[in-house]
Amino acid sequence: MTQQSTSLLVGLLAGVSAAFLLVSAGSPSSLSFILFAAAALPVMIAGLGWSNLASIVAVLSAMAVIGIATAPQAALVSGVTTLAPAAWIAHLSNLARPAEEIGGPEGAVAWYPLSDIFVRIAFCVCIGLVGVGLAMGYGTEFVSELVEVFVASIKDSNAAYEPTPEGIAEMKQFFLYALPAIQAAMWVLILFSGWYVASAIVRMSGRSKRPKDDIPSQLRMPRMGVIALLAGVAMSFVDGGIGLIGWTMSGAFGIGFVVAGFAIAHHRTRGKPARGLLLWTAYLATVIFTLPLAFFLFLGLFDTARTLTVTGSGPTSKP
């Protein structure tokens, strides 16, 4: 079997697997979120371990299966938010160039920076969610219906719950702007986690082109991310669609700096006797109180960099 035929077959199998996960996630269950989050894995594995052709075939076949099994709109949303970004991330991960072109040692290979991959995940999430929001008509009416369903479900489980009209109005206002930011932040985490797991699986199989990245020392947001975050925060003060886009950007790039802050904490505590206790305390405090997120956000903001993974040999396709 030729390499092209293998890529086509792998891409088809990966696409069917991704479609199965996404369609299964549409059925309400306790595993829905896990299935939805895992849907990017087959596409990333196909792209990281085989070729761009495999990941492209995976995206197209998954969209076709989803469109047939559910609706064309669902296929388009899945493609924009999950499948296409997964293929793009896999493509970037496999890019490399001779290190001597950027001042590195002769004969070595410099891989696409992890920091650039991370910031492009945030960009992909922003573009995908804004596109889906425009297509769905996300706005005051959409959120109003969502909150009414949410309140009705609470009333069904708690008959004594009776919010005031003012409380419902405040809830609608909160959800209108909080949902884009929270969803963007969650989706950045999902795609990055998917990339991390897919990279590990491909390395274990022996098909990985890219060496293992040292995430604690390399995962930083570049200065481009600072500009995008500041732009998002500024736009969030504007009413209407621009404000909603601003909240989406704030969530996507804000969580990027939070993750970078945690990576810095991992890096700076290396070799410390109480490293495990410090890190577990930080994670536990973040989950319980949420407030420590601000600390890690500022920690990530004050340490921006573009670090490279360099190896002695490998492919030389330029970014």
C-alpha atoms as a PDB file:
ATOM      1  CA  MET A   1       0.000   0.000   0.000  1.00  0.00           C
ATOM      2  CA  THR A   2       1.389   3.401  -0.981  1.00  0.00           C
ATOM      3  CA  GLN A   3       1.847   6.258   1.471  1.00  0.00           C
ATOM      4  CA  GLN A   4      -1.000   8.186  -0.131  1.00  0.00           C
ATOM      5  CA  SER A   5      -3.358   5.220   0.109  1.00  0.00           C
ATOM      6  CA  THR A   6      -2.392   4.725   3.743  1.00  0.00           C
ATOM      7  CA  SER A   7      -3.075   8.391   4.482  1.00  0.00           C
ATOM      8  CA  LEU A   8      -6.477   8.156   2.814  1.00  0.00           C
ATOM      9  CA  LEU A   9      -7.410   5.066   4.813  1.00  0.00           C
ATOM     10  CA  VAL A  10      -6.146   6.494   8.105  1.00  0.00           C
ATOM     11  CA  GLY A  11      -7.949   9.777   7.422  1.00  0.00           C
ATOM     12  CA  LEU A  12     -11.200   7.974   6.676  1.00  0.00           C
ATOM     13  CA  LEU A  13     -11.006   5.904   9.858  1.00  0.00           C
ATOM     14  CA  ALA A  14     -10.091   8.974  11.916  1.00  0.00           C
ATOM     15  CA  GLY A  15     -12.977  10.944  10.430  1.00  0.00           C
ATOM     16  CA  VAL A  16     -15.507   8.222  11.183  1.00  0.00           C
ATOM     17  CA  SER A  17     -14.154   7.969  14.752  1.00  0.00           C
ATOM     18  CA  ALA A  18     -14.396  11.737  15.258  1.00  0.00           C
ATOM     19  CA  ALA A  19     -17.922  11.804  13.842  1.00  0.00           C
ATOM     20  CA  PHE A  20     -18.978   8.946  16.118  1.00  0.00           C
ATOM     21  CA  LEU A  21     -17.669  10.829  19.154  1.00  0.00           C
ATOM     22  CA  LEU A  22     -19.422  14.068  18.185  1.00  0.00           C
ATOM     23  CA  VAL A  23     -22.741  12.412  17.357  1.00  0.00           C
ATOM     24  CA  SER A  24     -22.614  10.392  20.590  1.00  0.00           C
ATOM     25  CA  ALA A  25     -21.864  13.578  22.543  1.00  0.00           C
ATOM     26  CA  GLY A  26     -25.125  15.027  21.242  1.00  0.00           C
ATOM     27  CA  SER A  27     -27.082  12.506  23.313  1.00  0.00           C
ATOM     28  CA  PRO A  28     -27.519  13.771  26.910  1.00  0.00           C
ATOM     29  CA  SER A  29     -25.393  11.674  29.275  1.00  0.00           C
ATOM     30  CA  SER A  30     -22.696  12.019  31.898  1.00  0.00           C
ATOM     31  CA  LEU A  31     -20.067  11.232  29.253  1.00  0.00           C
ATOM     32  CA  SER A  32     -21.219  13.823  26.722  1.00  0.00           C
ATOM     33  CA  PHE A  33     -18.584  16.409  27.613  1.00  0.00           C
ATOM     34  CA  ILE A  34     -15.761  13.832  27.567  1.00  0.00           C
ATOM     35  CA  LEU A  35     -16.869  12.526  24.168  1.00  0.00           C
ATOM     36  CA  PHE A  36     -17.122  16.048  22.786  1.00  0.00           C
ATOM     37  CA  ALA A  37     -13.671  16.957  24.106  1.00  0.00           C
ATOM     38  CA  ALA A  38     -12.122  13.784  22.670  1.00  0.00           C
ATOM     39  CA  ALA A  39     -13.499  14.374  19.170  1.00  0.00           C
ATOM     40  CA  ALA A  40     -10.407  16.297  18.037  1.00  0.00           C
ATOM     41  CA  LEU A  41      -8.053  13.446  18.979  1.00  0.00           C
ATOM     42  CA  PRO A  42      -8.504  11.216  15.890  1.00  0.00           C
ATOM     43  CA  VAL A  43      -7.957  14.151  13.514  1.00  0.00           C
ATOM     44  CA  MET A  44      -4.834  15.291  15.384  1.00  0.00           C
ATOM     45  CA  ILE A  45      -3.423  11.765  15.513  1.00  0.00           C
ATOM     46  CA  ALA A  46      -3.952  11.350  11.764  1.00  0.00           C
ATOM     47  CA  GLY A  47      -2.215  14.656  11.036  1.00  0.00           C
ATOM     48  CA  LEU A  48       0.633  14.259  13.535  1.00  0.00           C
ATOM     49  CA  GLY A  49       1.425  10.634  12.746  1.00  0.00           C
ATOM     50  CA  TRP A  50       0.707  10.414   9.028  1.00  0.00           C
ATOM     51  CA  SER A  51       0.203  13.506   6.861  1.00  0.00           C
ATOM     52  CA  ASN A  52      -1.821  16.620   6.149  1.00  0.00           C
ATOM     53  CA  LEU A  53      -3.772  14.572   3.607  1.00  0.00           C
ATOM     54  CA  ALA A  54      -4.848  12.186   6.380  1.00  0.00           C
ATOM     55  CA  SER A  55      -6.106  15.024   8.587  1.00  0.00           C
ATOM     56  CA  ILE A  56      -7.908  16.734   5.679  1.00  0.00           C
ATOM     57  CA  VAL A  57      -9.643  13.483   4.750  1.00  0.00           C
ATOM     58  CA  ALA A  58     -10.533  13.021   8.424  1.00  0.00           C
ATOM     59  CA  VAL A  59     -12.147  16.468   8.579  1.00  0.00           C
ATOM     60  CA  LEU A  60     -14.148  15.999   5.358  1.00  0.00           C
ATOM     61  CA  SER A  61     -15.289  12.462   6.147  1.00  0.00           C
ATOM     62  CA  ALA A  62     -16.298  13.422   9.695  1.00  0.00           C
ATOM     63  CA  MET A  63     -18.332  16.371   8.424  1.00  0.00           C
ATOM     64  CA  ALA A  64     -20.000  14.142   5.839  1.00  0.00           C
ATOM     65  CA  VAL A  65     -20.964  11.525   8.432  1.00  0.00           C
ATOM     66  CA  ILE A  66     -22.229  14.156  10.874  1.00  0.00           C
ATOM     67  CA  GLY A  67     -24.224  15.881   8.123  1.00  0.00           C
ATOM     68  CA  ILE A  68     -25.903  12.610   7.165  1.00  0.00           C
ATOM     69  CA  ALA A  69     -26.495  11.455  10.753  1.00  0.00           C
ATOM     70  CA  THR A  70     -27.775  14.789  12.092  1.00  0.00           C
ATOM     71  CA  ALA A  71     -27.934  17.963  10.020  1.00  0.00           C
ATOM     72  CA  PRO A  72     -25.655  19.959   7.674  1.00  0.00           C
ATOM     73  CA  GLN A  73     -25.590  22.817  10.223  1.00  0.00           C
ATOM     74  CA  ALA A  74     -24.195  20.479  12.883  1.00  0.00           C
ATOM     75  CA  ALA A  75     -21.515  19.296  10.467  1.00  0.00           C
ATOM     76  CA  LEU A  76     -20.503  22.881   9.713  1.00  0.00           C
ATOM     77  CA  VAL A  77     -20.344  23.849  13.399  1.00  0.00           C
ATOM     78  CA  SER A  78     -18.257  20.757  14.193  1.00  0.00           C
ATOM     79  CA  GLY A  79     -15.923  21.495  11.317  1.00  0.00           C
ATOM     80  CA  VAL A  80     -15.361  25.127  12.291  1.00  0.00           C
ATOM     81  CA  THR A  81     -14.978  24.650  16.046  1.00  0.00           C
ATOM     82  CA  THR A  82     -13.301  21.254  16.363  1.00  0.00           C
ATOM     83  CA  LEU A  83     -12.262  19.376  13.230  1.00  0.00           C
ATOM     84  CA  ALA A  84     -10.572  22.059  11.120  1.00  0.00           C
ATOM     85  CA  PRO A  85      -8.675  23.585  14.094  1.00  0.00           C
ATOM     86  CA  ALA A  86      -7.430  20.098  15.017  1.00  0.00           C
ATOM     87  CA  ALA A  87      -6.071  19.536  11.500  1.00  0.00           C
ATOM     88  CA  TRP A  88      -4.457  22.989  11.459  1.00  0.00           C
ATOM     89  CA  ILE A  89      -2.774  22.432  14.837  1.00  0.00           C
ATOM     90  CA  ALA A  90      -1.384  19.092  13.653  1.00  0.00           C
ATOM     91  CA  HIS A  91      -0.038  20.775  10.505  1.00  0.00           C
ATOM     92  CA  LEU A  92       1.733  23.489  12.521  1.00  0.00           C
ATOM     93  CA  SER A  93       3.235  20.931  14.902  1.00  0.00           C
ATOM     94  CA  ASN A  94       4.971  19.124  12.046  1.00  0.00           C
ATOM     95  CA  LEU A  95       6.509  22.266  10.528  1.00  0.00           C
ATOM     96  CA  ALA A  96      10.271  22.593  10.847  1.00  0.00           C
ATOM     97  CA  ARG A  97      13.183  24.415   9.240  1.00  0.00           C
ATOM     98  CA  PRO A  98      16.985  24.284   9.351  1.00  0.00           C
ATOM     99  CA  ALA A  99      18.083  25.852  12.638  1.00  0.00           C
ATOM    100  CA  GLU A 100      20.939  27.693  10.924  1.00  0.00           C
ATOM    101  CA  GLU A 101      18.371  29.889   9.123  1.00  0.00           C
ATOM    102  CA  ILE A 102      17.444  31.452  12.444  1.00  0.00           C
ATOM    103  CA  GLY A 103      20.927  31.536  13.948  1.00  0.00           C
ATOM    104  CA  GLY A 104      20.955  28.008  15.348  1.00  0.00           C
ATOM    105  CA  PRO A 105      23.589  25.291  15.036  1.00  0.00           C
ATOM    106  CA  GLU A 106      24.370  23.924  11.574  1.00  0.00           C
ATOM    107  CA  GLY A 107      22.703  20.606  10.783  1.00  0.00           C
ATOM    108  CA  ALA A 108      20.034  20.994  13.482  1.00  0.00           C
ATOM    109  CA  VAL A 109      16.298  21.386  12.927  1.00  0.00           C
ATOM    110  CA  ALA A 110      14.088  24.004  14.607  1.00  0.00           C
ATOM    111  CA  TRP A 111      10.453  23.045  15.046  1.00  0.00           C
ATOM    112  CA  TYR A 112       7.479  25.383  15.000  1.00  0.00           C
ATOM    113  CA  PRO A 113       7.453  27.137  18.403  1.00  0.00           C
ATOM    114  CA  LEU A 114       5.080  25.768  21.016  1.00  0.00           C
ATOM    115  CA  SER A 115       4.193  29.338  22.009  1.00  0.00           C
ATOM    116  CA  ASP A 116       3.043  30.067  18.442  1.00  0.00           C
ATOM    117  CA  ILE A 117       0.999  26.857  18.329  1.00  0.00           C
ATOM    118  CA  PHE A 118      -0.693  27.862  21.572  1.00  0.00           C
ATOM    119  CA  VAL A 119      -1.560  31.396  20.464  1.00  0.00           C
ATOM    120  CA  ARG A 120      -2.944  30.058  17.177  1.00  0.00           C
ATOM    121  CA  ILE A 121      -5.190  27.693  19.101  1.00  0.00           C
ATOM    122  CA  ALA A 122      -6.651  30.801  20.761  1.00  0.00           C
ATOM    123  CA  PHE A 123      -7.083  32.510  17.384  1.00  0.00           C
ATOM    124  CA  CYS A 124      -8.812  29.415  15.937  1.00  0.00           C
ATOM    125  CA  VAL A 125     -11.198  29.294  18.892  1.00  0.00           C
ATOM    126  CA  CYS A 126     -12.081  32.985  18.509  1.00  0.00           C
ATOM    127  CA  ILE A 127     -12.734  32.680  14.777  1.00  0.00           C
ATOM    128  CA  GLY A 128     -14.761  29.495  15.176  1.00  0.00           C
ATOM    129  CA  LEU A 129     -16.933  30.692  18.053  1.00  0.00           C
ATOM    130  CA  VAL A 130     -17.565  34.108  16.500  1.00  0.00           C
ATOM    131  CA  GLY A 131     -18.585  32.426  13.245  1.00  0.00           C
ATOM    132  CA  VAL A 132     -20.916  30.017  15.035  1.00  0.00           C
ATOM    133  CA  GLY A 133     -22.345  32.865  17.121  1.00  0.00           C
ATOM    134  CA  LEU A 134     -23.145  34.893  14.001  1.00  0.00           C
ATOM    135  CA  ALA A 135     -24.728  31.879  12.323  1.00  0.00           C
ATOM    136  CA  MET A 136     -26.851  31.052  15.383  1.00  0.00           C
ATOM    137  CA  GLY A 137     -27.853  34.649  15.974  1.00  0.00           C
ATOM    138  CA  TYR A 138     -26.311  34.759  19.441  1.00  0.00           C
ATOM    139  CA  GLY A 139     -27.587  37.765  21.334  1.00  0.00           C
ATOM    140  CA  THR A 140     -30.116  39.007  23.865  1.00  0.00           C
ATOM    141  CA  GLU A 141     -33.031  36.904  22.578  1.00  0.00           C
ATOM    142  CA  PHE A 142     -30.948  33.720  22.383  1.00  0.00           C
ATOM    143  CA  VAL A 143     -29.633  34.148  25.930  1.00  0.00           C
ATOM    144  CA  SER A 144     -33.101  35.098  27.221  1.00  0.00           C
ATOM    145  CA  GLU A 145     -34.535  31.797  25.989  1.00  0.00           C
ATOM    146  CA  LEU A 146     -31.545  29.917  27.397  1.00  0.00           C
ATOM    147  CA  VAL A 147     -31.942  31.487  30.852  1.00  0.00           C
ATOM    148  CA  GLU A 148     -35.685  30.773  30.885  1.00  0.00           C
ATOM    149  CA  VAL A 149     -35.008  27.102  30.168  1.00  0.00           C
ATOM    150  CA  PHE A 150     -32.309  27.114  32.858  1.00  0.00           C
ATOM    151  CA  VAL A 151     -34.643  28.673  35.449  1.00  0.00           C
ATOM    152  CA  ALA A 152     -37.444  26.256  34.530  1.00  0.00           C
ATOM    153  CA  SER A 153     -35.135  23.267  35.046  1.00  0.00           C
ATOM    154  CA  ILE A 154     -34.164  24.570  38.498  1.00  0.00           C
ATOM    155  CA  LYS A 155     -37.831  25.051  39.408  1.00  0.00           C
ATOM    156  CA  ASP A 156     -38.548  21.451  38.440  1.00  0.00           C
ATOM    157  CA  SER A 157     -35.974  20.207  40.946  1.00  0.00           C
ATOM    158  CA  ASN A 158     -36.639  22.868  43.589  1.00  0.00           C
ATOM    159  CA  ALA A 159     -40.249  24.057  43.846  1.00  0.00           C
ATOM    160  CA  ALA A 160     -39.309  26.726  46.409  1.00  0.00           C
ATOM    161  CA  TYR A 161     -37.047  28.500  43.911  1.00  0.00           C
ATOM    162  CA  GLU A 162     -38.786  31.657  42.682  1.00  0.00           C
ATOM    163  CA  PRO A 163     -36.404  34.332  41.330  1.00  0.00           C
ATOM    164  CA  THR A 164     -37.527  37.930  41.058  1.00  0.00           C
ATOM    165  CA  PRO A 165     -37.849  39.626  37.642  1.00  0.00           C
ATOM    166  CA  GLU A 166     -34.844  41.777  38.550  1.00  0.00           C
ATOM    167  CA  GLY A 167     -32.832  38.675  39.400  1.00  0.00           C
ATOM    168  CA  ILE A 168     -33.716  37.044  36.096  1.00  0.00           C
ATOM    169  CA  ALA A 169     -32.776  40.220  34.220  1.00  0.00           C
ATOM    170  CA  GLU A 170     -29.384  40.306  35.962  1.00  0.00           C
ATOM    171  CA  MET A 171     -28.894  36.628  35.197  1.00  0.00           C
ATOM    172  CA  LYS A 172     -29.597  37.226  31.502  1.00  0.00           C
ATOM    173  CA  GLN A 173     -27.145  40.117  31.416  1.00  0.00           C
ATOM    174  CA  PHE A 174     -24.471  38.027  33.123  1.00  0.00           C
ATOM    175  CA  PHE A 175     -24.901  35.037  30.819  1.00  0.00           C
ATOM    176  CA  LEU A 176     -24.912  37.225  27.710  1.00  0.00           C
ATOM    177  CA  TYR A 177     -21.279  38.201  28.239  1.00  0.00           C
ATOM    178  CA  ALA A 178     -20.010  35.374  30.442  1.00  0.00           C
ATOM    179  CA  LEU A 179     -20.936  32.542  28.066  1.00  0.00           C
ATOM    180  CA  PRO A 180     -18.653  33.658  25.181  1.00  0.00           C
ATOM    181  CA  ALA A 181     -15.697  34.117  27.542  1.00  0.00           C
ATOM    182  CA  ILE A 182     -16.218  30.838  29.416  1.00  0.00           C
ATOM    183  CA  GLN A 183     -16.849  28.835  26.257  1.00  0.00           C
ATOM    184  CA  ALA A 184     -13.759  30.291  24.568  1.00  0.00           C
ATOM    185  CA  ALA A 185     -11.586  29.523  27.595  1.00  0.00           C
ATOM    186  CA  MET A 186     -12.892  25.970  27.860  1.00  0.00           C
ATOM    187  CA  TRP A 187     -12.369  25.342  24.152  1.00  0.00           C
ATOM    188  CA  VAL A 188      -8.761  26.530  24.235  1.00  0.00           C
ATOM    189  CA  LEU A 189      -8.116  24.103  27.095  1.00  0.00           C
ATOM    190  CA  ILE A 190      -9.854  21.278  25.230  1.00  0.00           C
ATOM    191  CA  LEU A 191      -7.892  21.767  22.008  1.00  0.00           C
ATOM    192  CA  PHE A 192      -4.565  22.151  23.802  1.00  0.00           C
ATOM    193  CA  SER A 193      -5.248  19.076  25.945  1.00  0.00           C
ATOM    194  CA  GLY A 194      -6.199  17.174  22.789  1.00  0.00           C
ATOM    195  CA  TRP A 195      -2.923  18.210  21.150  1.00  0.00           C
ATOM    196  CA  TYR A 196      -0.969  17.112  24.224  1.00  0.00           C
ATOM    197  CA  VAL A 197      -2.634  13.687  24.391  1.00  0.00           C
ATOM    198  CA  ALA A 198      -2.477  13.130  20.625  1.00  0.00           C
ATOM    199  CA  SER A 199       1.233  14.032  20.583  1.00  0.00           C
ATOM    200  CA  ALA A 200       1.906  11.548  23.382  1.00  0.00           C
ATOM    201  CA  ILE A 201       0.000   8.773  21.578  1.00  0.00           C
ATOM    202  CA  VAL A 202       1.838   9.390  18.307  1.00  0.00           C
ATOM    203  CA  ARG A 203       5.219   9.407  20.088  1.00  0.00           C
ATOM    204  CA  MET A 204       4.381   6.092  21.767  1.00  0.00           C
ATOM    205  CA  SER A 205       3.548   4.622  18.362  1.00  0.00           C
ATOM    206  CA  GLY A 206       6.933   5.687  17.001  1.00  0.00           C
ATOM    207  CA  ARG A 207       5.412   7.789  14.216  1.00  0.00           C
ATOM    208  CA  SER A 208       6.031  11.207  15.740  1.00  0.00           C
ATOM    209  CA  LYS A 209       8.011  13.644  13.612  1.00  0.00           C
ATOM    210  CA  ARG A 210       8.226  16.303  16.345  1.00  0.00           C
ATOM    211  CA  PRO A 211      10.268  15.619  19.497  1.00  0.00           C
ATOM    212  CA  LYS A 212       8.705  16.021  22.917  1.00  0.00           C
ATOM    213  CA  ASP A 213       8.374  19.654  23.982  1.00  0.00           C
ATOM    214  CA  ASP A 214       9.448  20.692  27.458  1.00  0.00           C
ATOM    215  CA  ILE A 215       6.140  22.370  28.292  1.00  0.00           C
ATOM    216  CA  PRO A 216       7.118  23.962  31.657  1.00  0.00           C
ATOM    217  CA  SER A 217      10.051  25.824  30.094  1.00  0.00           C
ATOM    218  CA  GLN A 218       8.574  26.433  26.625  1.00  0.00           C
ATOM    219  CA  LEU A 219       4.875  27.133  27.075  1.00  0.00           C
ATOM    220  CA  ARG A 220       4.635  30.916  27.051  1.00  0.00           C
ATOM    221  CA  MET A 221       2.293  33.271  25.252  1.00  0.00           C
ATOM    222  CA  PRO A 222       4.106  35.494  22.720  1.00  0.00           C
ATOM    223  CA  ARG A 223       3.707  39.267  22.690  1.00  0.00           C
ATOM    224  CA  MET A 224       1.106  38.880  19.957  1.00  0.00           C
ATOM    225  CA  GLY A 225      -1.118  37.304  22.610  1.00  0.00           C
ATOM    226  CA  VAL A 226      -0.770  40.366  24.836  1.00  0.00           C
ATOM    227  CA  ILE A 227      -1.981  42.597  22.004  1.00  0.00           C
ATOM    228  CA  ALA A 228      -4.921  40.288  21.287  1.00  0.00           C
ATOM    229  CA  LEU A 229      -5.896  40.148  24.982  1.00  0.00           C
ATOM    230  CA  LEU A 230      -5.736  43.941  25.359  1.00  0.00           C
ATOM    231  CA  ALA A 231      -7.797  44.357  22.194  1.00  0.00           C
ATOM    232  CA  GLY A 232     -10.386  41.921  23.533  1.00  0.00           C
ATOM    233  CA  VAL A 233     -10.605  43.697  26.883  1.00  0.00           C
ATOM    234  CA  ALA A 234     -11.024  47.071  25.141  1.00  0.00           C
ATOM    235  CA  MET A 235     -13.724  45.702  22.809  1.00  0.00           C
ATOM    236  CA  SER A 236     -15.603  44.154  25.742  1.00  0.00           C
ATOM    237  CA  PHE A 237     -16.581  47.648  26.932  1.00  0.00           C
ATOM    238  CA  VAL A 238     -18.480  48.254  23.674  1.00  0.00           C
ATOM    239  CA  ASP A 239     -22.140  47.257  23.471  1.00  0.00           C
ATOM    240  CA  GLY A 240     -23.490  44.827  20.892  1.00  0.00           C
ATOM    241  CA  GLY A 241     -21.636  42.359  18.725  1.00  0.00           C
ATOM    242  CA  ILE A 242     -18.245  44.026  19.120  1.00  0.00           C
ATOM    243  CA  GLY A 243     -18.493  43.623  22.874  1.00  0.00           C
ATOM    244  CA  LEU A 244     -19.384  39.940  22.533  1.00  0.00           C
ATOM    245  CA  ILE A 245     -16.372  39.400  20.267  1.00  0.00           C
ATOM    246  CA  GLY A 246     -14.259  41.186  22.866  1.00  0.00           C
ATOM    247  CA  TRP A 247     -15.447  38.854  25.619  1.00  0.00           C
ATOM    248  CA  THR A 248     -14.688  35.852  23.387  1.00  0.00           C
ATOM    249  CA  MET A 249     -11.152  37.121  22.766  1.00  0.00           C
ATOM    250  CA  SER A 250     -10.688  37.905  26.462  1.00  0.00           C
ATOM    251  CA  GLY A 251     -11.673  34.366  27.418  1.00  0.00           C
ATOM    252  CA  ALA A 252      -9.527  32.654  24.774  1.00  0.00           C
ATOM    253  CA  PHE A 253      -6.339  34.650  25.282  1.00  0.00           C
ATOM    254  CA  GLY A 254      -6.872  35.154  29.004  1.00  0.00           C
ATOM    255  CA  ILE A 255      -6.893  31.407  29.637  1.00  0.00           C
ATOM    256  CA  GLY A 256      -3.790  31.189  27.461  1.00  0.00           C
ATOM    257  CA  PHE A 257      -1.891  33.403  29.883  1.00  0.00           C
ATOM    258  CA  VAL A 258      -3.318  31.479  32.844  1.00  0.00           C
ATOM    259  CA  VAL A 259      -1.974  28.200  31.418  1.00  0.00           C
ATOM    260  CA  ALA A 260       1.357  29.890  30.707  1.00  0.00           C
ATOM    261  CA  GLY A 261       1.381  31.046  34.337  1.00  0.00           C
ATOM    262  CA  PHE A 262       0.926  27.475  35.533  1.00  0.00           C
ATOM    263  CA  ALA A 263       3.740  26.354  33.206  1.00  0.00           C
ATOM    264  CA  ILE A 264       5.994  29.011  34.755  1.00  0.00           C
ATOM    265  CA  ALA A 265       5.095  27.738  38.231  1.00  0.00           C
ATOM    266  CA  HIS A 266       5.998  24.183  37.167  1.00  0.00           C
ATOM    267  CA  HIS A 267       9.298  25.402  35.724  1.00  0.00           C
ATOM    268  CA  ARG A 268      10.365  27.566  38.656  1.00  0.00           C
ATOM    269  CA  THR A 269       9.593  24.907  41.256  1.00  0.00           C
ATOM    270  CA  ARG A 270      11.718  22.249  39.576  1.00  0.00           C
ATOM    271  CA  GLY A 271      14.116  20.724  42.045  1.00  0.00           C
ATOM    272  CA  LYS A 272      12.368  22.292  45.043  1.00  0.00           C
ATOM    273  CA  PRO A 273      11.727  19.921  47.982  1.00  0.00           C
ATOM    274  CA  ALA A 274       8.089  20.999  48.385  1.00  0.00           C
ATOM    275  CA  ARG A 275       7.323  21.162  44.653  1.00  0.00           C
ATOM    276  CA  GLY A 276       4.481  18.635  44.744  1.00  0.00           C
ATOM    277  CA  LEU A 277       2.804  20.275  47.723  1.00  0.00           C
ATOM    278  CA  LEU A 278       3.089  23.755  46.193  1.00  0.00           C
ATOM    279  CA  LEU A 279       1.641  22.720  42.828  1.00  0.00           C
ATOM    280  CA  TRP A 280      -1.200  20.677  44.306  1.00  0.00           C
ATOM    281  CA  THR A 281      -2.066  23.570  46.630  1.00  0.00           C
ATOM    282  CA  ALA A 282      -2.112  25.967  43.679  1.00  0.00           C
ATOM    283  CA  TYR A 283      -4.391  23.740  41.611  1.00  0.00           C
ATOM    284  CA  LEU A 284      -6.709  22.987  44.528  1.00  0.00           C
ATOM    285  CA  ALA A 285      -6.980  26.668  45.491  1.00  0.00           C
ATOM    286  CA  THR A 286      -7.777  27.550  41.880  1.00  0.00           C
ATOM    287  CA  VAL A 287     -10.550  24.962  41.655  1.00  0.00           C
ATOM    288  CA  ILE A 288     -12.109  25.943  44.991  1.00  0.00           C
ATOM    289  CA  PHE A 289     -11.709  29.715  45.026  1.00  0.00           C
ATOM    290  CA  THR A 290     -11.118  30.678  41.343  1.00  0.00           C
ATOM    291  CA  LEU A 291      -9.373  33.869  42.518  1.00  0.00           C
ATOM    292  CA  PRO A 292      -5.842  32.429  42.051  1.00  0.00           C
ATOM    293  CA  LEU A 293      -6.539  32.463  38.300  1.00  0.00           C
ATOM    294  CA  ALA A 294      -5.801  36.196  38.416  1.00  0.00           C
ATOM    295  CA  PHE A 295      -2.362  35.512  39.929  1.00  0.00           C
ATOM    296  CA  PHE A 296      -1.444  32.998  37.225  1.00  0.00           C
ATOM    297  CA  LEU A 297      -2.858  35.322  34.549  1.00  0.00           C
ATOM    298  CA  PHE A 298      -0.485  38.116  35.607  1.00  0.00           C
ATOM    299  CA  LEU A 299       2.374  35.638  36.006  1.00  0.00           C
ATOM    300  CA  GLY A 300       1.868  34.595  32.390  1.00  0.00           C
ATOM    301  CA  LEU A 301       1.567  38.221  31.238  1.00  0.00           C
ATOM    302  CA  PHE A 302       4.925  39.189  32.719  1.00  0.00           C
ATOM    303  CA  ASP A 303       6.848  36.350  31.068  1.00  0.00           C
ATOM    304  CA  THR A 304       6.206  36.322  27.316  1.00  0.00           C
ATOM    305  CA  ALA A 305       8.594  34.490  25.002  1.00  0.00           C
ATOM    306  CA  ARG A 306       8.946  32.390  21.843  1.00  0.00           C
ATOM    307  CA  THR A 307      11.054  29.338  22.611  1.00  0.00           C
ATOM    308  CA  LEU A 308      12.134  26.734  20.070  1.00  0.00           C
ATOM    309  CA  THR A 309      12.443  22.965  20.090  1.00  0.00           C
ATOM    310  CA  VAL A 310      15.662  22.065  18.257  1.00  0.00           C
ATOM    311  CA  THR A 311      16.784  18.570  17.245  1.00  0.00           C
ATOM    312  CA  GLY A 312      19.716  17.205  15.323  1.00  0.00           C
ATOM    313  CA  SER A 313      17.745  15.894  12.363  1.00  0.00           C
ATOM    314  CA  GLY A 314      14.293  15.916  10.854  1.00  0.00           C
ATOM    315  CA  PRO A 315      12.195  17.247   7.981  1.00  0.00           C
ATOM    316  CA  THR A 316      12.808  20.746   6.686  1.00  0.00           C
ATOM    317  CA  SER A 317       9.418  22.059   5.545  1.00  0.00           C
ATOM    318  CA  LYS A 318       9.338  25.787   6.247  1.00  0.00           C
ATOM    319  CA  PRO A 319       6.464  27.489   8.138  1.00  0.00           C
END
